[in-house]
Amino acid sequence: MKPPSIMLIAGETSGDTLAAELAVSLRRQLTSTDTVYTRDSQPLRTGLEPHFFGAGGPHMRAAGVELAFDLTQHSVIGVSDVLKNYLKFRRLFHQLLKVAIERQPEVIIGVDYGGFNLRFGQAIKRHARTHRGAFSNWNPRLVQFVSPQVWASRAGRAYQLERDYDLLLSIFPFEQDWYAQKTPGVRVEFVGHPMVGRFQSSKFQAPSSTRQGDSTLLLLL
């Protein structure tokens, strides 16, 4: 029995912080001696040290996530900056896609950074569909932590989430109802805004949103 393999992708400083907290908390829960069961009563693999890898920033690295490269160093603001750096982002995208295909994680979690992560999820699912056969059945579960603001603009992206993603972790309470009406096929779990947990606690604890999200992710695993 091999340990769980989880890929994390964060391209901004805020996402790097969230991903680091998520990795720490998931590691703690997955290595717990308590047995947790999935919805179909199958025991999760507990007691095994999960391996986290992907792309992010210094917080993720400090949390024990193996980084292919620091994606936060390449963050840009606005469409014009994205266009100016198109070739660079294309290279990083395909480099990370190659890492995912070679290492075949069980779960891929995109943290915020919707423009990049949704395209990445689409590419992963396309690869899984076209390469599935007798010698390959890799089809990772896709999770997006922090919904892109599809309710404000480019609502069509919600259909992509419905098609490609297994779980969306939402930080705004109204998003569950919005998705239920627009794309009921996507599973949405409200986990709360991370800043609420930081302001409510004077101690250095993981925000409540992350802990709730962990429980949902454990069920997905």
Protein backbone atom coordinates (compact mmCIF):
# COMPACT_ATOMS: atom_id res chain seq x y z
CA MET A 1 0.00 0.00 0.00
CA LYS A 2 1.59 3.26 -1.15
CA PRO A 3 1.09 6.61 0.59
CA PRO A 4 -1.40 9.09 -0.90
CA SER A 5 0.03 11.41 -3.54
CA ILE A 6 -1.49 14.88 -3.73
CA MET A 7 -0.56 17.67 -6.14
CA LEU A 8 -1.08 21.30 -5.11
CA ILE A 9 -0.96 24.32 -7.42
CA ALA A 10 -0.95 27.93 -6.21
CA GLY A 11 0.24 30.88 -8.25
CA GLU A 12 -0.25 33.78 -5.86
CA THR A 13 0.95 34.61 -2.35
CA SER A 14 -2.51 34.24 -0.82
CA GLY A 15 -2.99 30.87 -2.48
CA ASP A 16 0.47 29.78 -1.36
CA THR A 17 -0.56 30.43 2.25
CA LEU A 18 -3.85 28.55 1.87
CA ALA A 19 -2.19 25.60 0.17
CA ALA A 20 0.46 25.38 2.89
CA GLU A 21 -2.17 25.33 5.64
CA LEU A 22 -4.15 22.72 3.74
CA ALA A 23 -1.09 20.48 3.33
CA VAL A 24 -0.25 20.66 7.04
CA SER A 25 -3.79 19.85 8.11
CA LEU A 26 -4.33 17.09 5.56
CA ARG A 27 -1.05 15.48 6.55
CA ARG A 28 -2.14 15.50 10.18
CA GLN A 29 -5.51 13.94 9.39
CA LEU A 30 -4.24 11.37 6.90
CA THR A 31 -1.60 10.11 9.32
CA SER A 32 -4.11 9.85 12.16
CA THR A 33 -4.56 6.42 13.69
CA ASP A 34 -8.33 6.93 13.60
CA THR A 35 -10.06 5.20 10.71
CA VAL A 36 -12.15 7.44 8.47
CA TYR A 37 -14.62 6.00 5.98
CA THR A 38 -15.75 7.20 2.59
CA ARG A 39 -19.39 7.55 1.63
CA ASP A 40 -19.46 3.98 0.31
CA SER A 41 -18.03 2.67 3.62
CA GLN A 42 -14.55 2.06 2.24
CA PRO A 43 -11.77 2.79 4.77
CA LEU A 44 -9.40 5.58 3.85
CA ARG A 45 -5.68 4.94 3.91
CA THR A 46 -4.76 6.34 7.29
CA GLY A 47 -1.48 6.19 9.12
CA LEU A 48 0.50 6.72 5.91
CA GLU A 49 2.49 9.89 5.35
CA PRO A 50 1.01 11.59 2.25
CA HIS A 51 3.36 13.10 -0.29
CA PHE A 52 2.58 16.62 -1.47
CA PHE A 53 4.18 18.12 -4.56
CA GLY A 54 3.36 20.69 -7.20
CA ALA A 55 4.02 24.39 -7.75
CA GLY A 56 3.60 27.27 -5.34
CA GLY A 57 5.72 29.44 -3.12
CA PRO A 58 7.81 29.61 0.07
CA HIS A 59 4.94 28.81 2.44
CA MET A 60 4.21 25.57 0.64
CA ARG A 61 7.89 24.65 0.63
CA ALA A 62 8.09 25.32 4.38
CA ALA A 63 5.05 23.07 4.86
CA GLY A 64 6.88 20.17 3.25
CA VAL A 65 5.44 20.43 -0.26
CA GLU A 66 7.95 19.40 -2.92
CA LEU A 67 7.93 22.20 -5.51
CA ALA A 68 8.74 21.72 -9.17
CA PHE A 69 9.25 25.50 -9.25
CA ASP A 70 8.10 28.66 -7.49
CA LEU A 71 5.01 29.71 -9.42
CA THR A 72 4.33 32.71 -7.17
CA GLN A 73 7.44 34.44 -8.53
CA HIS A 74 5.68 34.71 -11.88
CA SER A 75 2.39 36.20 -10.69
CA VAL A 76 1.08 39.08 -12.80
CA ILE A 77 -1.75 41.61 -12.56
CA GLY A 78 -4.12 42.38 -15.40
CA VAL A 79 -4.73 41.00 -18.87
CA SER A 80 -1.92 43.03 -20.44
CA ASP A 81 0.70 41.44 -18.18
CA VAL A 82 -0.69 37.99 -18.93
CA LEU A 83 -0.40 38.62 -22.67
CA LYS A 84 3.13 39.97 -22.32
CA ASN A 85 4.18 36.83 -20.47
CA TYR A 86 2.15 34.35 -22.52
CA LEU A 87 5.11 32.28 -23.72
CA LYS A 88 6.53 32.03 -20.22
CA PHE A 89 3.23 30.86 -18.76
CA ARG A 90 2.77 28.40 -21.60
CA ARG A 91 6.17 26.89 -20.84
CA LEU A 92 5.43 26.66 -17.10
CA PHE A 93 2.00 25.17 -17.80
CA HIS A 94 3.38 22.37 -19.96
CA GLN A 95 6.27 21.77 -17.58
CA LEU A 96 3.81 21.26 -14.73
CA LEU A 97 1.53 19.13 -16.89
CA LYS A 98 4.46 16.85 -17.67
CA VAL A 99 5.21 16.52 -13.94
CA ALA A 100 1.60 15.54 -13.23
CA ILE A 101 1.47 12.96 -16.02
CA GLU A 102 4.77 11.40 -14.97
CA ARG A 103 3.93 11.22 -11.25
CA GLN A 104 0.20 10.52 -11.55
CA PRO A 105 -1.14 11.88 -8.24
CA GLU A 106 -4.44 10.61 -6.91
CA VAL A 107 -5.74 14.13 -6.28
CA ILE A 108 -4.88 17.49 -7.86
CA ILE A 109 -5.89 20.57 -5.88
CA GLY A 110 -5.85 23.98 -7.51
CA VAL A 111 -5.81 26.81 -4.97
CA ASP A 112 -7.38 30.02 -6.31
CA TYR A 113 -5.48 31.13 -9.48
CA GLY A 114 -8.52 30.17 -11.55
CA GLY A 115 -7.27 31.19 -14.99
CA PHE A 116 -4.32 28.82 -14.78
CA ASN A 117 -5.86 26.06 -12.68
CA LEU A 118 -9.06 25.60 -14.69
CA ARG A 119 -7.06 25.22 -17.89
CA PHE A 120 -4.76 22.81 -16.11
CA GLY A 121 -7.69 20.72 -14.91
CA GLN A 122 -9.10 20.65 -18.42
CA ALA A 123 -5.76 19.45 -19.82
CA ILE A 124 -5.51 16.73 -17.17
CA LYS A 125 -8.99 15.38 -17.91
CA ARG A 126 -8.32 15.49 -21.65
CA HIS A 127 -5.14 13.47 -21.17
CA ALA A 128 -6.92 10.98 -18.90
CA ARG A 129 -9.67 10.42 -21.48
CA THR A 130 -7.38 10.02 -24.46
CA HIS A 131 -4.80 7.78 -22.76
CA ARG A 132 -7.06 5.46 -20.80
CA GLY A 133 -6.66 1.82 -21.71
CA ALA A 134 -5.27 -1.53 -20.66
CA PHE A 135 -1.97 -0.01 -19.54
CA SER A 136 -3.21 3.24 -18.04
CA ASN A 137 -6.27 4.02 -15.93
CA TRP A 138 -5.01 7.20 -14.29
CA ASN A 139 -7.88 9.60 -13.75
CA PRO A 140 -7.10 11.88 -10.79
CA ARG A 141 -9.77 13.61 -8.77
CA LEU A 142 -9.76 17.36 -9.30
CA VAL A 143 -10.46 19.86 -6.55
CA GLN A 144 -10.61 23.65 -6.83
CA PHE A 145 -10.14 25.51 -3.54
CA VAL A 146 -11.63 29.02 -3.96
CA SER A 147 -14.09 29.36 -6.80
CA PRO A 148 -13.29 31.66 -9.69
CA GLN A 149 -15.75 34.56 -9.70
CA VAL A 150 -17.97 32.98 -12.34
CA TRP A 151 -21.00 34.63 -10.76
CA ALA A 152 -19.53 38.05 -11.61
CA SER A 153 -18.15 37.42 -15.11
CA ARG A 154 -17.64 34.65 -17.66
CA ALA A 155 -20.30 32.41 -16.14
CA GLY A 156 -19.60 29.78 -18.78
CA ARG A 157 -16.62 28.62 -16.74
CA ALA A 158 -19.09 27.04 -14.33
CA TYR A 159 -19.88 24.43 -16.99
CA GLN A 160 -16.20 23.57 -17.22
CA LEU A 161 -16.09 23.06 -13.46
CA GLU A 162 -19.14 20.82 -13.71
CA ARG A 163 -17.55 18.77 -16.48
CA ASP A 164 -14.01 18.41 -15.15
CA TYR A 165 -14.01 18.86 -11.37
CA ASP A 166 -14.99 16.49 -8.58
CA LEU A 167 -15.19 19.09 -5.83
CA LEU A 168 -15.27 22.86 -5.42
CA LEU A 169 -14.40 24.30 -2.01
CA SER A 170 -16.21 27.63 -1.73
CA ILE A 171 -15.32 30.52 0.59
CA PHE A 172 -18.55 32.51 0.06
CA PRO A 173 -21.89 31.20 1.39
CA PHE A 174 -23.98 32.31 -1.61
CA GLU A 175 -21.89 30.29 -4.08
CA GLN A 176 -23.49 26.97 -3.17
CA ASP A 177 -26.93 28.21 -4.18
CA TRP A 178 -25.57 29.89 -7.30
CA TYR A 179 -23.93 26.69 -8.54
CA ALA A 180 -26.97 24.61 -7.54
CA GLN A 181 -29.10 26.70 -9.88
CA LYS A 182 -26.58 27.18 -12.68
CA THR A 183 -24.64 23.89 -12.74
CA PRO A 184 -26.14 21.41 -10.25
CA GLY A 185 -23.75 18.68 -11.37
CA VAL A 186 -20.74 20.26 -9.65
CA ARG A 187 -20.27 19.35 -6.00
CA VAL A 188 -19.77 22.50 -3.93
CA GLU A 189 -18.85 22.60 -0.24
CA PHE A 190 -18.85 25.90 1.63
CA VAL A 191 -15.79 25.99 3.91
CA GLY A 192 -15.82 29.64 4.96
CA HIS A 193 -13.46 32.51 4.24
CA PRO A 194 -9.91 31.94 5.57
CA MET A 195 -9.62 35.51 6.85
CA VAL A 196 -12.51 34.95 9.27
CA GLY A 197 -10.59 32.26 11.09
CA ARG A 198 -7.49 34.43 11.30
CA PHE A 199 -9.33 37.38 12.81
CA GLN A 200 -11.34 35.25 15.24
CA SER A 201 -8.29 33.57 16.73
CA SER A 202 -5.43 35.28 18.50
CA LYS A 203 -3.36 32.09 18.37
CA PHE A 204 -1.54 30.59 15.41
CA GLN A 205 -4.11 28.00 14.44
CA ALA A 206 -5.24 26.74 11.06
CA PRO A 207 -8.35 28.70 10.01
CA SER A 208 -11.64 26.93 10.55
CA SER A 209 -12.32 26.98 6.83
CA THR A 210 -9.27 24.84 6.17
CA ARG A 211 -10.23 22.30 8.81
CA GLN A 212 -13.73 21.95 7.37
CA GLY A 213 -12.32 21.64 3.90
CA ASP A 214 -10.02 18.86 5.07
CA SER A 215 -12.94 16.72 6.19
CA THR A 216 -14.57 17.09 2.79
CA LEU A 217 -11.32 16.28 1.00
CA LEU A 218 -10.79 13.20 3.13
CA LEU A 219 -14.17 11.91 1.99
CA LEU A 220 -13.19 12.62 -1.60
CA LEU A 221 -9.92 10.71 -1.23
